[in-house]
Amino acid sequence: MAIITLHEMEFYAFHGCFKEEQLIGNYFTVDIEINTNTDLAETEDDLSGTVNYQEVYNLVKDEMAIKSKLLEHVVRRITDKLIKSLPQIESCRITLSKLHPPLGGKVNKVSVTLAKSA
C-alpha cells in the first residue's frame, strides 16, 4: 500500500454563494492523498501498476471548471469522480481551499476536507 499525494494544484474557478464570486472567480488549491497498491509499479517500473498523476490532475481540472455554490459540493464531486474513474484507488482524502475568501476581513483561505473509501 502506498500513499500518492498531489500538493497544491492551483485553479482559477467560479465557486461561491455570492453572485460576484460566480462572475469574478477566485483562486483555489486542491490537495489529494490517494491510497493504492503500487506493488507492480515498485517491482516492474510500469505505470499501469499505479495511479497516473496526469489523469488525476485532468479529472480534478474538469470538476473545478463546473460552477458550484459550496466547496463541500465540489470536493464531493471530485472524490466521486476519482473513485469512479480510477478503480485502483482504494481510498482518497481531498482538501479544497478557497484563497482569500470574501469574508469581510483578512482570511488566507478556507478549506473543506473529505475522505472516502472506494
PDB file of N, CA and C in Angstrom:
ATOM      1  N   MET A   1       0.849  -1.181   0.000  1.00  0.00           N
ATOM      2  CA  MET A   1       0.000   0.000   0.000  1.00  0.00           C
ATOM      3  C   MET A   1       0.887   1.234   0.000  1.00  0.00           C
ATOM      4  N   ALA A   2       0.518   2.183  -0.804  1.00  0.00           N
ATOM      5  CA  ALA A   2       1.265   3.432  -0.872  1.00  0.00           C
ATOM      6  C   ALA A   2       0.292   4.606  -0.815  1.00  0.00           C
ATOM      7  N   ILE A   3       0.822   5.749  -0.443  1.00  0.00           N
ATOM      8  CA  ILE A   3       0.057   6.984  -0.467  1.00  0.00           C
ATOM      9  C   ILE A   3       0.687   7.889  -1.523  1.00  0.00           C
ATOM     10  N   ILE A   4      -0.103   8.265  -2.500  1.00  0.00           N
ATOM     11  CA  ILE A   4       0.331   9.193  -3.541  1.00  0.00           C
ATOM     12  C   ILE A   4      -0.319  10.526  -3.222  1.00  0.00           C
ATOM     13  N   THR A   5       0.468  11.591  -3.182  1.00  0.00           N
ATOM     14  CA  THR A   5      -0.059  12.901  -2.827  1.00  0.00           C
ATOM     15  C   THR A   5       0.236  13.908  -3.927  1.00  0.00           C
ATOM     16  N   LEU A   6      -0.782  14.627  -4.322  1.00  0.00           N
ATOM     17  CA  LEU A   6      -0.634  15.766  -5.225  1.00  0.00           C
ATOM     18  C   LEU A   6      -0.893  17.003  -4.378  1.00  0.00           C
ATOM     19  N   HIS A   7       0.103  17.867  -4.287  1.00  0.00           N
ATOM     20  CA  HIS A   7       0.056  19.029  -3.401  1.00  0.00           C
ATOM     21  C   HIS A   7      -0.281  20.308  -4.159  1.00  0.00           C
ATOM     22  N   GLU A   8      -1.186  21.064  -3.613  1.00  0.00           N
ATOM     23  CA  GLU A   8      -1.461  22.444  -4.033  1.00  0.00           C
ATOM     24  C   GLU A   8      -1.637  22.630  -5.540  1.00  0.00           C
ATOM     25  N   MET A   9      -2.470  21.782  -6.130  1.00  0.00           N
ATOM     26  CA  MET A   9      -2.856  22.033  -7.515  1.00  0.00           C
ATOM     27  C   MET A   9      -3.657  23.337  -7.494  1.00  0.00           C
ATOM     28  N   GLU A  10      -3.335  24.265  -8.341  1.00  0.00           N
ATOM     29  CA  GLU A  10      -3.989  25.574  -8.305  1.00  0.00           C
ATOM     30  C   GLU A  10      -4.894  25.763  -9.513  1.00  0.00           C
ATOM     31  N   PHE A  11      -6.088  26.286  -9.240  1.00  0.00           N
ATOM     32  CA  PHE A  11      -7.080  26.524 -10.280  1.00  0.00           C
ATOM     33  C   PHE A  11      -7.730  27.879 -10.061  1.00  0.00           C
ATOM     34  N   TYR A  12      -8.129  28.497 -11.147  1.00  0.00           N
ATOM     35  CA  TYR A  12      -8.971  29.692 -11.075  1.00  0.00           C
ATOM     36  C   TYR A  12     -10.361  29.216 -11.444  1.00  0.00           C
ATOM     37  N   ALA A  13     -11.321  29.423 -10.537  1.00  0.00           N
ATOM     38  CA  ALA A  13     -12.666  28.891 -10.763  1.00  0.00           C
ATOM     39  C   ALA A  13     -13.712  29.861 -10.225  1.00  0.00           C
ATOM     40  N   PHE A  14     -14.961  29.494 -10.382  1.00  0.00           N
ATOM     41  CA  PHE A  14     -16.075  30.394 -10.107  1.00  0.00           C
ATOM     42  C   PHE A  14     -17.048  29.794  -9.092  1.00  0.00           C
ATOM     43  N   HIS A  15     -16.517  29.336  -7.967  1.00  0.00           N
ATOM     44  CA  HIS A  15     -17.335  28.745  -6.915  1.00  0.00           C
ATOM     45  C   HIS A  15     -17.616  29.783  -5.837  1.00  0.00           C
ATOM     46  N   GLY A  16     -18.834  29.771  -5.319  1.00  0.00           N
ATOM     47  CA  GLY A  16     -19.169  30.662  -4.216  1.00  0.00           C
ATOM     48  C   GLY A  16     -20.656  30.946  -4.159  1.00  0.00           C
ATOM     49  N   CYS A  17     -21.110  31.351  -2.991  1.00  0.00           N
ATOM     50  CA  CYS A  17     -22.527  31.662  -2.791  1.00  0.00           C
ATOM     51  C   CYS A  17     -22.891  33.052  -3.290  1.00  0.00           C
ATOM     52  N   PHE A  18     -21.912  33.955  -3.295  1.00  0.00           N
ATOM     53  CA  PHE A  18     -22.191  35.312  -3.749  1.00  0.00           C
ATOM     54  C   PHE A  18     -22.156  35.378  -5.269  1.00  0.00           C
ATOM     55  N   LYS A  19     -23.080  36.144  -5.847  1.00  0.00           N
ATOM     56  CA  LYS A  19     -23.153  36.299  -7.297  1.00  0.00           C
ATOM     57  C   LYS A  19     -21.813  36.772  -7.857  1.00  0.00           C
ATOM     58  N   GLU A  20     -21.161  37.692  -7.148  1.00  0.00           N
ATOM     59  CA  GLU A  20     -19.878  38.228  -7.600  1.00  0.00           C
ATOM     60  C   GLU A  20     -18.812  37.140  -7.713  1.00  0.00           C
ATOM     61  N   GLU A  21     -18.848  36.192  -6.787  1.00  0.00           N
ATOM     62  CA  GLU A  21     -17.863  35.105  -6.827  1.00  0.00           C
ATOM     63  C   GLU A  21     -18.030  34.263  -8.089  1.00  0.00           C
ATOM     64  N   GLN A  22     -19.278  34.076  -8.497  1.00  0.00           N
ATOM     65  CA  GLN A  22     -19.527  33.260  -9.679  1.00  0.00           C
ATOM     66  C   GLN A  22     -19.256  34.037 -10.978  1.00  0.00           C
ATOM     67  N   LEU A  23     -19.134  35.348 -10.869  1.00  0.00           N
ATOM     68  CA  LEU A  23     -18.808  36.171 -12.041  1.00  0.00           C
ATOM     69  C   LEU A  23     -17.318  36.487 -12.134  1.00  0.00           C
ATOM     70  N   ILE A  24     -16.730  36.859 -10.993  1.00  0.00           N
ATOM     71  CA  ILE A  24     -15.328  37.295 -10.964  1.00  0.00           C
ATOM     72  C   ILE A  24     -14.374  36.113 -10.802  1.00  0.00           C
ATOM     73  N   GLY A  25     -14.748  35.149  -9.991  1.00  0.00           N
ATOM     74  CA  GLY A  25     -13.907  33.981  -9.748  1.00  0.00           C
ATOM     75  C   GLY A  25     -12.882  34.219  -8.655  1.00  0.00           C
ATOM     76  N   ASN A  26     -12.107  33.185  -8.388  1.00  0.00           N
ATOM     77  CA  ASN A  26     -11.117  33.223  -7.318  1.00  0.00           C
ATOM     78  C   ASN A  26     -10.124  32.082  -7.547  1.00  0.00           C
ATOM     79  N   TYR A  27      -9.040  32.124  -6.795  1.00  0.00           N
ATOM     80  CA  TYR A  27      -8.057  31.035  -6.836  1.00  0.00           C
ATOM     81  C   TYR A  27      -8.392  29.994  -5.786  1.00  0.00           C
ATOM     82  N   PHE A  28      -8.174  28.735  -6.160  1.00  0.00           N
ATOM     83  CA  PHE A  28      -8.423  27.591  -5.295  1.00  0.00           C
ATOM     84  C   PHE A  28      -7.217  26.659  -5.368  1.00  0.00           C
ATOM     85  N   THR A  29      -6.985  25.921  -4.299  1.00  0.00           N
ATOM     86  CA  THR A  29      -5.985  24.855  -4.338  1.00  0.00           C
ATOM     87  C   THR A  29      -6.645  23.542  -3.946  1.00  0.00           C
ATOM     88  N   VAL A  30      -6.094  22.465  -4.483  1.00  0.00           N
ATOM     89  CA  VAL A  30      -6.592  21.125  -4.187  1.00  0.00           C
ATOM     90  C   VAL A  30      -5.399  20.263  -3.798  1.00  0.00           C
ATOM     91  N   ASP A  31      -5.536  19.588  -2.655  1.00  0.00           N
ATOM     92  CA  ASP A  31      -4.545  18.609  -2.198  1.00  0.00           C
ATOM     93  C   ASP A  31      -5.228  17.249  -2.160  1.00  0.00           C
ATOM     94  N   ILE A  32      -4.557  16.247  -2.694  1.00  0.00           N
ATOM     95  CA  ILE A  32      -5.148  14.910  -2.750  1.00  0.00           C
ATOM     96  C   ILE A  32      -4.162  13.884  -2.232  1.00  0.00           C
ATOM     97  N   GLU A  33      -4.648  13.024  -1.341  1.00  0.00           N
ATOM     98  CA  GLU A  33      -3.909  11.837  -0.890  1.00  0.00           C
ATOM     99  C   GLU A  33      -4.665  10.622  -1.399  1.00  0.00           C
ATOM    100  N   ILE A  34      -3.979   9.779  -2.134  1.00  0.00           N
ATOM    101  CA  ILE A  34      -4.582   8.575  -2.705  1.00  0.00           C
ATOM    102  C   ILE A  34      -3.904   7.357  -2.117  1.00  0.00           C
ATOM    103  N   ASN A  35      -4.699   6.427  -1.595  1.00  0.00           N
ATOM    104  CA  ASN A  35      -4.187   5.149  -1.119  1.00  0.00           C
ATOM    105  C   ASN A  35      -4.412   4.110  -2.210  1.00  0.00           C
ATOM    106  N   THR A  36      -3.326   3.462  -2.598  1.00  0.00           N
ATOM    107  CA  THR A  36      -3.414   2.485  -3.673  1.00  0.00           C
ATOM    108  C   THR A  36      -2.299   1.449  -3.538  1.00  0.00           C
ATOM    109  N   ASN A  37      -2.501   0.309  -4.150  1.00  0.00           N
ATOM    110  CA  ASN A  37      -1.476  -0.726  -4.175  1.00  0.00           C
ATOM    111  C   ASN A  37      -0.524  -0.416  -5.332  1.00  0.00           C
ATOM    112  N   THR A  38       0.746  -0.229  -5.009  1.00  0.00           N
ATOM    113  CA  THR A  38       1.736   0.093  -6.044  1.00  0.00           C
ATOM    114  C   THR A  38       2.781  -1.013  -6.211  1.00  0.00           C
ATOM    115  N   ASP A  39       2.462  -2.221  -5.786  1.00  0.00           N
ATOM    116  CA  ASP A  39       3.435  -3.314  -5.870  1.00  0.00           C
ATOM    117  C   ASP A  39       3.990  -3.492  -7.283  1.00  0.00           C
ATOM    118  N   LEU A  40       3.120  -3.499  -8.290  1.00  0.00           N
ATOM    119  CA  LEU A  40       3.568  -3.699  -9.669  1.00  0.00           C
ATOM    120  C   LEU A  40       4.472  -2.551 -10.125  1.00  0.00           C
ATOM    121  N   ALA A  41       4.097  -1.344  -9.818  1.00  0.00           N
ATOM    122  CA  ALA A  41       4.920  -0.194 -10.196  1.00  0.00           C
ATOM    123  C   ALA A  41       6.282  -0.238  -9.510  1.00  0.00           C
ATOM    124  N   GLU A  42       6.288  -0.666  -8.264  1.00  0.00           N
ATOM    125  CA  GLU A  42       7.535  -0.739  -7.499  1.00  0.00           C
ATOM    126  C   GLU A  42       8.493  -1.779  -8.068  1.00  0.00           C
ATOM    127  N   THR A  43       7.956  -2.918  -8.489  1.00  0.00           N
ATOM    128  CA  THR A  43       8.819  -4.010  -8.942  1.00  0.00           C
ATOM    129  C   THR A  43       9.055  -4.020 -10.449  1.00  0.00           C
ATOM    130  N   GLU A  44       8.088  -3.555 -11.229  1.00  0.00           N
ATOM    131  CA  GLU A  44       8.176  -3.642 -12.689  1.00  0.00           C
ATOM    132  C   GLU A  44       8.429  -2.302 -13.371  1.00  0.00           C
ATOM    133  N   ASP A  45       8.384  -1.195 -12.606  1.00  0.00           N
ATOM    134  CA  ASP A  45       8.564   0.140 -13.184  1.00  0.00           C
ATOM    135  C   ASP A  45       7.572   0.377 -14.317  1.00  0.00           C
ATOM    136  N   ASP A  46       6.291   0.031 -14.030  1.00  0.00           N
ATOM    137  CA  ASP A  46       5.240   0.078 -15.040  1.00  0.00           C
ATOM    138  C   ASP A  46       4.118   0.987 -14.549  1.00  0.00           C
ATOM    139  N   LEU A  47       3.778   1.988 -15.351  1.00  0.00           N
ATOM    140  CA  LEU A  47       2.746   2.955 -14.981  1.00  0.00           C
ATOM    141  C   LEU A  47       1.395   2.302 -14.735  1.00  0.00           C
ATOM    142  N   SER A  48       1.117   1.197 -15.399  1.00  0.00           N
ATOM    143  CA  SER A  48      -0.176   0.535 -15.213  1.00  0.00           C
ATOM    144  C   SER A  48      -0.327  -0.026 -13.797  1.00  0.00           C
ATOM    145  N   GLY A  49       0.759  -0.077 -13.044  1.00  0.00           N
ATOM    146  CA  GLY A  49       0.714  -0.602 -11.686  1.00  0.00           C
ATOM    147  C   GLY A  49       0.525   0.464 -10.627  1.00  0.00           C
ATOM    148  N   THR A  50       0.120   1.664 -11.040  1.00  0.00           N
ATOM    149  CA  THR A  50      -0.081   2.741 -10.083  1.00  0.00           C
ATOM    150  C   THR A  50      -1.159   3.682 -10.619  1.00  0.00           C
ATOM    151  N   VAL A  51      -1.340   4.800  -9.954  1.00  0.00           N
ATOM    152  CA  VAL A  51      -2.287   5.820 -10.397  1.00  0.00           C
ATOM    153  C   VAL A  51      -1.519   6.851 -11.229  1.00  0.00           C
ATOM    154  N   ASN A  52      -2.041   7.147 -12.393  1.00  0.00           N
ATOM    155  CA  ASN A  52      -1.418   8.117 -13.290  1.00  0.00           C
ATOM    156  C   ASN A  52      -1.732   9.525 -12.784  1.00  0.00           C
ATOM    157  N   TYR A  53      -0.724  10.266 -12.388  1.00  0.00           N
ATOM    158  CA  TYR A  53      -0.916  11.611 -11.827  1.00  0.00           C
ATOM    159  C   TYR A  53      -1.574  12.555 -12.826  1.00  0.00           C
ATOM    160  N   GLN A  54      -1.253  12.405 -14.086  1.00  0.00           N
ATOM    161  CA  GLN A  54      -1.848  13.265 -15.118  1.00  0.00           C
ATOM    162  C   GLN A  54      -3.357  13.048 -15.205  1.00  0.00           C
ATOM    163  N   GLU A  55      -3.786  11.791 -15.107  1.00  0.00           N
ATOM    164  CA  GLU A  55      -5.220  11.500 -15.118  1.00  0.00           C
ATOM    165  C   GLU A  55      -5.908  12.132 -13.917  1.00  0.00           C
ATOM    166  N   VAL A  56      -5.280  12.048 -12.758  1.00  0.00           N
ATOM    167  CA  VAL A  56      -5.844  12.659 -11.549  1.00  0.00           C
ATOM    168  C   VAL A  56      -5.993  14.156 -11.761  1.00  0.00           C
ATOM    169  N   TYR A  57      -4.935  14.800 -12.215  1.00  0.00           N
ATOM    170  CA  TYR A  57      -4.973  16.247 -12.438  1.00  0.00           C
ATOM    171  C   TYR A  57      -6.091  16.623 -13.409  1.00  0.00           C
ATOM    172  N   ASN A  58      -6.204  15.908 -14.514  1.00  0.00           N
ATOM    173  CA  ASN A  58      -7.218  16.230 -15.519  1.00  0.00           C
ATOM    174  C   ASN A  58      -8.634  16.047 -14.990  1.00  0.00           C
ATOM    175  N   LEU A  59      -8.857  15.019 -14.189  1.00  0.00           N
ATOM    176  CA  LEU A  59     -10.186  14.809 -13.599  1.00  0.00           C
ATOM    177  C   LEU A  59     -10.533  15.938 -12.635  1.00  0.00           C
ATOM    178  N   VAL A  60      -9.567  16.350 -11.831  1.00  0.00           N
ATOM    179  CA  VAL A  60      -9.788  17.465 -10.902  1.00  0.00           C
ATOM    180  C   VAL A  60     -10.052  18.745 -11.683  1.00  0.00           C
ATOM    181  N   LYS A  61      -9.269  18.994 -12.702  1.00  0.00           N
ATOM    182  CA  LYS A  61      -9.429  20.194 -13.528  1.00  0.00           C
ATOM    183  C   LYS A  61     -10.837  20.259 -14.130  1.00  0.00           C
ATOM    184  N   ASP A  62     -11.328  19.133 -14.628  1.00  0.00           N
ATOM    185  CA  ASP A  62     -12.667  19.089 -15.214  1.00  0.00           C
ATOM    186  C   ASP A  62     -13.740  19.432 -14.184  1.00  0.00           C
ATOM    187  N   GLU A  63     -13.629  18.901 -12.992  1.00  0.00           N
ATOM    188  CA  GLU A  63     -14.619  19.174 -11.943  1.00  0.00           C
ATOM    189  C   GLU A  63     -14.523  20.610 -11.441  1.00  0.00           C
ATOM    190  N   MET A  64     -13.317  21.150 -11.375  1.00  0.00           N
ATOM    191  CA  MET A  64     -13.149  22.534 -10.920  1.00  0.00           C
ATOM    192  C   MET A  64     -13.758  23.521 -11.913  1.00  0.00           C
ATOM    193  N   ALA A  65     -13.922  23.124 -13.162  1.00  0.00           N
ATOM    194  CA  ALA A  65     -14.486  24.003 -14.187  1.00  0.00           C
ATOM    195  C   ALA A  65     -16.011  24.119 -14.094  1.00  0.00           C
ATOM    196  N   ILE A  66     -16.636  23.272 -13.286  1.00  0.00           N
ATOM    197  CA  ILE A  66     -18.090  23.292 -13.125  1.00  0.00           C
ATOM    198  C   ILE A  66     -18.436  24.161 -11.921  1.00  0.00           C
ATOM    199  N   LYS A  67     -19.179  25.248 -12.140  1.00  0.00           N
ATOM    200  CA  LYS A  67     -19.539  26.172 -11.062  1.00  0.00           C
ATOM    201  C   LYS A  67     -20.371  25.484  -9.988  1.00  0.00           C
ATOM    202  N   SER A  68     -20.076  25.831  -8.738  1.00  0.00           N
ATOM    203  CA  SER A  68     -20.862  25.370  -7.592  1.00  0.00           C
ATOM    204  C   SER A  68     -20.904  26.474  -6.559  1.00  0.00           C
ATOM    205  N   LYS A  69     -21.931  26.461  -5.746  1.00  0.00           N
ATOM    206  CA  LYS A  69     -22.027  27.428  -4.658  1.00  0.00           C
ATOM    207  C   LYS A  69     -21.120  27.032  -3.495  1.00  0.00           C
ATOM    208  N   LEU A  70     -21.044  25.737  -3.211  1.00  0.00           N
ATOM    209  CA  LEU A  70     -20.370  25.275  -1.993  1.00  0.00           C
ATOM    210  C   LEU A  70     -19.128  24.443  -2.282  1.00  0.00           C
ATOM    211  N   LEU A  71     -18.083  24.679  -1.493  1.00  0.00           N
ATOM    212  CA  LEU A  71     -16.868  23.872  -1.601  1.00  0.00           C
ATOM    213  C   LEU A  71     -17.173  22.408  -1.291  1.00  0.00           C
ATOM    214  N   GLU A  72     -18.082  22.181  -0.353  1.00  0.00           N
ATOM    215  CA  GLU A  72     -18.455  20.809   0.013  1.00  0.00           C
ATOM    216  C   GLU A  72     -18.966  20.038  -1.204  1.00  0.00           C
ATOM    217  N   HIS A  73     -19.715  20.719  -2.049  1.00  0.00           N
ATOM    218  CA  HIS A  73     -20.255  20.084  -3.253  1.00  0.00           C
ATOM    219  C   HIS A  73     -19.142  19.763  -4.249  1.00  0.00           C
ATOM    220  N   VAL A  74     -18.231  20.686  -4.418  1.00  0.00           N
ATOM    221  CA  VAL A  74     -17.128  20.486  -5.368  1.00  0.00           C
ATOM    222  C   VAL A  74     -16.234  19.337  -4.913  1.00  0.00           C
ATOM    223  N   VAL A  75     -15.860  19.329  -3.639  1.00  0.00           N
ATOM    224  CA  VAL A  75     -14.949  18.293  -3.149  1.00  0.00           C
ATOM    225  C   VAL A  75     -15.611  16.914  -3.219  1.00  0.00           C
ATOM    226  N   ARG A  76     -16.915  16.834  -3.023  1.00  0.00           N
ATOM    227  CA  ARG A  76     -17.615  15.554  -3.153  1.00  0.00           C
ATOM    228  C   ARG A  76     -17.618  15.087  -4.609  1.00  0.00           C
ATOM    229  N   ARG A  77     -17.849  16.012  -5.537  1.00  0.00           N
ATOM    230  CA  ARG A  77     -17.820  15.648  -6.959  1.00  0.00           C
ATOM    231  C   ARG A  77     -16.445  15.136  -7.370  1.00  0.00           C
ATOM    232  N   ILE A  78     -15.398  15.805  -6.898  1.00  0.00           N
ATOM    233  CA  ILE A  78     -14.034  15.375  -7.230  1.00  0.00           C
ATOM    234  C   ILE A  78     -13.773  13.986  -6.679  1.00  0.00           C
ATOM    235  N   THR A  79     -14.124  13.781  -5.422  1.00  0.00           N
ATOM    236  CA  THR A  79     -13.908  12.480  -4.772  1.00  0.00           C
ATOM    237  C   THR A  79     -14.635  11.373  -5.529  1.00  0.00           C
ATOM    238  N   ASP A  80     -15.901  11.587  -5.814  1.00  0.00           N
ATOM    239  CA  ASP A  80     -16.689  10.573  -6.521  1.00  0.00           C
ATOM    240  C   ASP A  80     -16.113  10.285  -7.902  1.00  0.00           C
ATOM    241  N   LYS A  81     -15.700  11.333  -8.611  1.00  0.00           N
ATOM    242  CA  LYS A  81     -15.160  11.174  -9.966  1.00  0.00           C
ATOM    243  C   LYS A  81     -13.863  10.362  -9.946  1.00  0.00           C
ATOM    244  N   LEU A  82     -12.976  10.661  -9.000  1.00  0.00           N
ATOM    245  CA  LEU A  82     -11.710   9.931  -8.920  1.00  0.00           C
ATOM    246  C   LEU A  82     -11.944   8.450  -8.633  1.00  0.00           C
ATOM    247  N   ILE A  83     -12.786   8.167  -7.653  1.00  0.00           N
ATOM    248  CA  ILE A  83     -13.023   6.764  -7.283  1.00  0.00           C
ATOM    249  C   ILE A  83     -13.717   6.005  -8.411  1.00  0.00           C
ATOM    250  N   LYS A  84     -14.635   6.663  -9.098  1.00  0.00           N
ATOM    251  CA  LYS A  84     -15.337   6.017 -10.220  1.00  0.00           C
ATOM    252  C   LYS A  84     -14.414   5.807 -11.418  1.00  0.00           C
ATOM    253  N   SER A  85     -13.566   6.772 -11.708  1.00  0.00           N
ATOM    254  CA  SER A  85     -12.743   6.739 -12.922  1.00  0.00           C
ATOM    255  C   SER A  85     -11.453   5.945 -12.784  1.00  0.00           C
ATOM    256  N   LEU A  86     -10.937   5.845 -11.570  1.00  0.00           N
ATOM    257  CA  LEU A  86      -9.657   5.172 -11.354  1.00  0.00           C
ATOM    258  C   LEU A  86      -9.844   4.050 -10.331  1.00  0.00           C
ATOM    259  N   PRO A  87     -10.205   2.862 -10.796  1.00  0.00           N
ATOM    260  CA  PRO A  87     -10.557   1.766  -9.881  1.00  0.00           C
ATOM    261  C   PRO A  87      -9.411   1.285  -8.984  1.00  0.00           C
ATOM    262  N   GLN A  88      -8.186   1.654  -9.316  1.00  0.00           N
ATOM    263  CA  GLN A  88      -7.067   1.241  -8.466  1.00  0.00           C
ATOM    264  C   GLN A  88      -6.988   2.069  -7.174  1.00  0.00           C
ATOM    265  N   ILE A  89      -7.774   3.135  -7.073  1.00  0.00           N
ATOM    266  CA  ILE A  89      -7.815   3.938  -5.846  1.00  0.00           C
ATOM    267  C   ILE A  89      -8.624   3.182  -4.794  1.00  0.00           C
ATOM    268  N   GLU A  90      -7.996   2.902  -3.663  1.00  0.00           N
ATOM    269  CA  GLU A  90      -8.690   2.231  -2.566  1.00  0.00           C
ATOM    270  C   GLU A  90      -9.388   3.229  -1.657  1.00  0.00           C
ATOM    271  N   SER A  91      -8.783   4.395  -1.486  1.00  0.00           N
ATOM    272  CA  SER A  91      -9.408   5.487  -0.742  1.00  0.00           C
ATOM    273  C   SER A  91      -8.657   6.769  -1.085  1.00  0.00           C
ATOM    274  N   CYS A  92      -9.299   7.884  -0.801  1.00  0.00           N
ATOM    275  CA  CYS A  92      -8.632   9.157  -1.037  1.00  0.00           C
ATOM    276  C   CYS A  92      -9.119  10.189  -0.031  1.00  0.00           C
ATOM    277  N   ARG A  93      -8.302  11.182   0.145  1.00  0.00           N
ATOM    278  CA  ARG A  93      -8.616  12.308   1.027  1.00  0.00           C
ATOM    279  C   ARG A  93      -8.297  13.569   0.237  1.00  0.00           C
ATOM    280  N   ILE A  94      -9.287  14.446   0.120  1.00  0.00           N
ATOM    281  CA  ILE A  94      -9.133  15.641  -0.699  1.00  0.00           C
ATOM    282  C   ILE A  94      -9.432  16.878   0.141  1.00  0.00           C
ATOM    283  N   THR A  95      -8.549  17.867   0.039  1.00  0.00           N
ATOM    284  CA  THR A  95      -8.774  19.165   0.664  1.00  0.00           C
ATOM    285  C   THR A  95      -8.863  20.207  -0.436  1.00  0.00           C
ATOM    286  N   LEU A  96      -9.988  20.918  -0.445  1.00  0.00           N
ATOM    287  CA  LEU A  96     -10.216  22.009  -1.387  1.00  0.00           C
ATOM    288  C   LEU A  96     -10.191  23.302  -0.603  1.00  0.00           C
ATOM    289  N   SER A  97      -9.362  24.250  -1.040  1.00  0.00           N
ATOM    290  CA  SER A  97      -9.220  25.527  -0.348  1.00  0.00           C
ATOM    291  C   SER A  97      -9.536  26.684  -1.281  1.00  0.00           C
ATOM    292  N   LYS A  98     -10.268  27.654  -0.758  1.00  0.00           N
ATOM    293  CA  LYS A  98     -10.510  28.913  -1.467  1.00  0.00           C
ATOM    294  C   LYS A  98      -9.560  29.935  -0.866  1.00  0.00           C
ATOM    295  N   LEU A  99      -8.741  30.544  -1.714  1.00  0.00           N
ATOM    296  CA  LEU A  99      -7.755  31.506  -1.244  1.00  0.00           C
ATOM    297  C   LEU A  99      -8.386  32.890  -1.111  1.00  0.00           C
ATOM    298  N   HIS A 100      -8.074  33.551  -0.023  1.00  0.00           N
ATOM    299  CA  HIS A 100      -8.545  34.915   0.247  1.00  0.00           C
ATOM    300  C   HIS A 100     -10.052  35.075   0.003  1.00  0.00           C
ATOM    301  N   PRO A 101     -10.869  34.304   0.729  1.00  0.00           N
ATOM    302  CA  PRO A 101     -12.314  34.371   0.530  1.00  0.00           C
ATOM    303  C   PRO A 101     -12.880  35.721   0.984  1.00  0.00           C
ATOM    304  N   PRO A 102     -13.953  36.170   0.350  1.00  0.00           N
ATOM    305  CA  PRO A 102     -14.547  37.459   0.697  1.00  0.00           C
ATOM    306  C   PRO A 102     -15.404  37.368   1.956  1.00  0.00           C
ATOM    307  N   LEU A 103     -14.755  37.423   3.110  1.00  0.00           N
ATOM    308  CA  LEU A 103     -15.466  37.272   4.382  1.00  0.00           C
ATOM    309  C   LEU A 103     -15.516  38.565   5.182  1.00  0.00           C
ATOM    310  N   GLY A 104     -15.087  39.659   4.591  1.00  0.00           N
ATOM    311  CA  GLY A 104     -15.146  40.933   5.283  1.00  0.00           C
ATOM    312  C   GLY A 104     -13.930  41.242   6.137  1.00  0.00           C
ATOM    313  N   GLY A 105     -12.903  40.425   6.039  1.00  0.00           N
ATOM    314  CA  GLY A 105     -11.658  40.620   6.771  1.00  0.00           C
ATOM    315  C   GLY A 105     -10.578  39.760   6.160  1.00  0.00           C
ATOM    316  N   LYS A 106      -9.369  39.846   6.690  1.00  0.00           N
ATOM    317  CA  LYS A 106      -8.237  39.093   6.135  1.00  0.00           C
ATOM    318  C   LYS A 106      -8.308  37.628   6.576  1.00  0.00           C
ATOM    319  N   VAL A 107      -8.514  36.779   5.605  1.00  0.00           N
ATOM    320  CA  VAL A 107      -8.507  35.327   5.802  1.00  0.00           C
ATOM    321  C   VAL A 107      -7.708  34.751   4.643  1.00  0.00           C
ATOM    322  N   ASN A 108      -6.641  34.020   4.933  1.00  0.00           N
ATOM    323  CA  ASN A 108      -5.800  33.475   3.864  1.00  0.00           C
ATOM    324  C   ASN A 108      -6.513  32.426   3.029  1.00  0.00           C
ATOM    325  N   LYS A 109      -7.274  31.545   3.702  1.00  0.00           N
ATOM    326  CA  LYS A 109      -8.013  30.530   2.964  1.00  0.00           C
ATOM    327  C   LYS A 109      -9.032  29.860   3.867  1.00  0.00           C
ATOM    328  N   VAL A 110     -10.034  29.286   3.236  1.00  0.00           N
ATOM    329  CA  VAL A 110     -10.965  28.391   3.905  1.00  0.00           C
ATOM    330  C   VAL A 110     -10.854  27.052   3.191  1.00  0.00           C
ATOM    331  N   SER A 111     -11.045  25.962   3.918  1.00  0.00           N
ATOM    332  CA  SER A 111     -10.841  24.638   3.333  1.00  0.00           C
ATOM    333  C   SER A 111     -11.939  23.671   3.770  1.00  0.00           C
ATOM    334  N   VAL A 112     -12.202  22.719   2.901  1.00  0.00           N
ATOM    335  CA  VAL A 112     -13.083  21.600   3.201  1.00  0.00           C
ATOM    336  C   VAL A 112     -12.313  20.332   2.843  1.00  0.00           C
ATOM    337  N   THR A 113     -12.297  19.371   3.758  1.00  0.00           N
ATOM    338  CA  THR A 113     -11.617  18.098   3.524  1.00  0.00           C
ATOM    339  C   THR A 113     -12.631  16.952   3.570  1.00  0.00           C
ATOM    340  N   LEU A 114     -12.511  16.059   2.605  1.00  0.00           N
ATOM    341  CA  LEU A 114     -13.394  14.898   2.551  1.00  0.00           C
ATOM    342  C   LEU A 114     -12.539  13.656   2.308  1.00  0.00           C
ATOM    343  N   ALA A 115     -12.786  12.620   3.097  1.00  0.00           N
ATOM    344  CA  ALA A 115     -12.115  11.334   2.905  1.00  0.00           C
ATOM    345  C   ALA A 115     -13.160  10.307   2.546  1.00  0.00           C
ATOM    346  N   LYS A 116     -12.806   9.425   1.594  1.00  0.00           N
ATOM    347  CA  LYS A 116     -13.769   8.441   1.141  1.00  0.00           C
ATOM    348  C   LYS A 116     -13.043   7.173   0.685  1.00  0.00           C
ATOM    349  N   SER A 117     -13.643   6.040   0.976  1.00  0.00           N
ATOM    350  CA  SER A 117     -13.114   4.755   0.515  1.00  0.00           C
ATOM    351  C   SER A 117     -13.901   4.299  -0.700  1.00  0.00           C
ATOM    352  N   ALA A 118     -13.230   3.523  -1.542  1.00  0.00           N
ATOM    353  CA  ALA A 118     -13.891   3.000  -2.747  1.00  0.00           C
ATOM    354  C   ALA A 118     -14.916   1.955  -2.377  1.00  0.00           C
TER     355      ALA A 118
END
